[in-house]
Protein backbone atom coordinates (compact mmCIF):
# COMPACT_ATOMS: atom_id res chain seq x y z
CA UNK A 1 14.01 0.79 -3.26
CA UNK A 2 14.93 1.99 0.16
CA UNK A 3 17.64 4.06 -1.36
CA UNK A 4 14.96 6.05 -3.75
CA UNK A 5 13.20 6.68 -0.62
CA UNK A 6 16.06 8.38 1.54
CA UNK A 7 16.67 10.39 -1.43
CA UNK A 8 13.08 11.73 -1.87
CA UNK A 9 13.40 12.92 1.93
CA UNK A 10 16.39 14.23 1.50
CA UNK A 11 16.00 16.32 -1.31
CA UNK A 12 13.05 17.59 0.14
CA UNK A 13 14.90 20.96 0.98
CA UNK A 14 16.19 21.27 -2.32
CA UNK A 15 19.55 20.51 -1.08
CA UNK A 16 21.73 16.94 0.12
CA UNK A 17 24.21 17.14 2.98
CA UNK A 18 27.21 14.81 2.84
CA UNK A 19 25.71 13.85 6.44
CA UNK A 20 22.55 12.71 4.83
CA UNK A 21 24.46 10.78 2.23
CA UNK A 22 26.61 9.21 5.23
CA UNK A 23 23.67 8.37 6.66
CA UNK A 24 21.94 6.75 3.73
CA UNK A 25 24.84 4.73 3.10
CA UNK A 26 24.95 3.53 6.43
CA UNK A 27 20.93 2.35 6.09
CA UNK A 28 21.69 1.03 2.79
CA UNK A 29 24.75 -1.41 4.00
CA UNK A 30 22.34 -2.70 6.59
CA UNK A 31 20.29 -4.31 3.85
CA UNK A 32 23.73 -4.95 1.64
CA UNK A 33 26.70 -5.13 3.10
CA UNK A 34 28.67 -4.94 0.12
CA UNK A 35 27.68 -1.72 -1.10
CA UNK A 36 30.41 0.72 -2.36
CA UNK A 37 30.02 4.15 -0.66
CA UNK A 38 31.87 6.00 -2.97
CA UNK A 39 29.67 4.54 -5.99
CA UNK A 40 26.36 5.33 -4.30
CA UNK A 41 27.60 8.84 -2.67
CA UNK A 42 28.18 9.43 -6.51
CA UNK A 43 24.62 7.79 -7.31
CA UNK A 44 22.52 9.38 -4.63
CA UNK A 45 23.05 13.21 -5.61
CA UNK A 46 21.64 12.17 -9.26
CA UNK A 47 19.05 9.80 -8.69
CA UNK A 48 15.88 10.94 -9.00
CA UNK A 49 14.11 12.27 -6.05
CA UNK A 50 10.26 12.53 -7.79
CA UNK A 51 7.38 11.88 -6.21
CA UNK A 52 6.17 9.05 -8.41
CA UNK A 53 9.71 7.48 -8.52
CA UNK A 54 9.22 7.20 -4.73
CA UNK A 55 5.70 6.03 -4.54
CA UNK A 56 6.58 2.88 -7.55
CA UNK A 57 10.06 2.26 -5.16
CA UNK A 58 7.61 2.28 -2.01
CA UNK A 59 5.13 -0.15 -3.76
CA UNK A 60 7.64 -2.56 -4.88
CA UNK A 61 9.37 -2.79 -1.60
CA UNK A 62 5.78 -3.53 0.10
CA UNK A 63 5.57 -6.05 -2.25
CA UNK A 64 8.41 -7.83 -2.08
CA UNK A 65 9.66 -6.98 1.70
CA UNK A 66 6.45 -5.49 3.69
CA UNK A 67 8.29 -6.48 7.09
CA UNK A 68 10.64 -3.77 6.06
CA UNK A 69 7.87 -0.83 6.08
CA UNK A 70 8.59 0.27 9.57
CA UNK A 71 12.20 0.02 9.97
CA UNK A 72 12.14 1.95 6.44
CA UNK A 73 9.86 4.55 7.93
CA UNK A 74 12.16 5.02 11.23
CA UNK A 75 15.25 5.73 9.06
CA UNK A 76 13.73 8.39 6.96
CA UNK A 77 12.20 9.88 9.40
CA UNK A 78 15.59 10.24 11.63
CA UNK A 79 17.19 11.21 7.89
CA UNK A 80 14.74 14.25 8.37
CA UNK A 81 15.56 14.91 11.83
CA UNK A 82 19.10 14.61 11.28
CA UNK A 83 19.37 18.73 11.11
CA UNK A 84 17.57 19.16 14.34
CA UNK A 85 13.90 20.09 12.92
CA UNK A 86 12.00 18.90 10.06
CA UNK A 87 10.58 21.24 7.57
CA UNK A 88 6.94 21.39 6.17
CA UNK A 89 8.38 19.93 2.87
CA UNK A 90 9.76 16.89 5.14
CA UNK A 91 6.85 16.48 6.99
CA UNK A 92 5.06 16.04 3.57
CA UNK A 93 7.23 13.86 1.94
CA UNK A 94 7.18 11.68 5.38
CA UNK A 95 3.29 11.52 5.11
CA UNK A 96 3.53 10.16 1.37
CA UNK A 97 5.85 7.66 2.24
CA UNK A 98 3.90 6.19 5.78
CA UNK A 99 0.55 6.35 3.20
CA UNK A 100 2.84 4.22 0.60
CA UNK A 101 4.05 1.53 3.33
CA UNK A 102 0.19 1.45 4.90
CA UNK A 103 1.72 2.76 7.80
CA UNK A 104 -0.94 5.93 8.35
């Protein structure tokens, strides 16, 4: 679920950098200590980054772990800022995630 939200933000500008993948891997390792980085990196690039999938992931997360909402939002916000600027598309997607996580 968190991986889909990270992917939704990372794909906002049409490309995913190695730094974004490494950051996402680190975020997910906090939640799942046995995460295989090499498997995740391959899957991250091919995972859907569609709005419907991201929204479903956020809603599922809220249903299972509402305590993670702020932490996840901070993680996706940091990812969007990782290259030093947030694009308009990233801002739009961050607003989506905030709404889905009931933070807006």
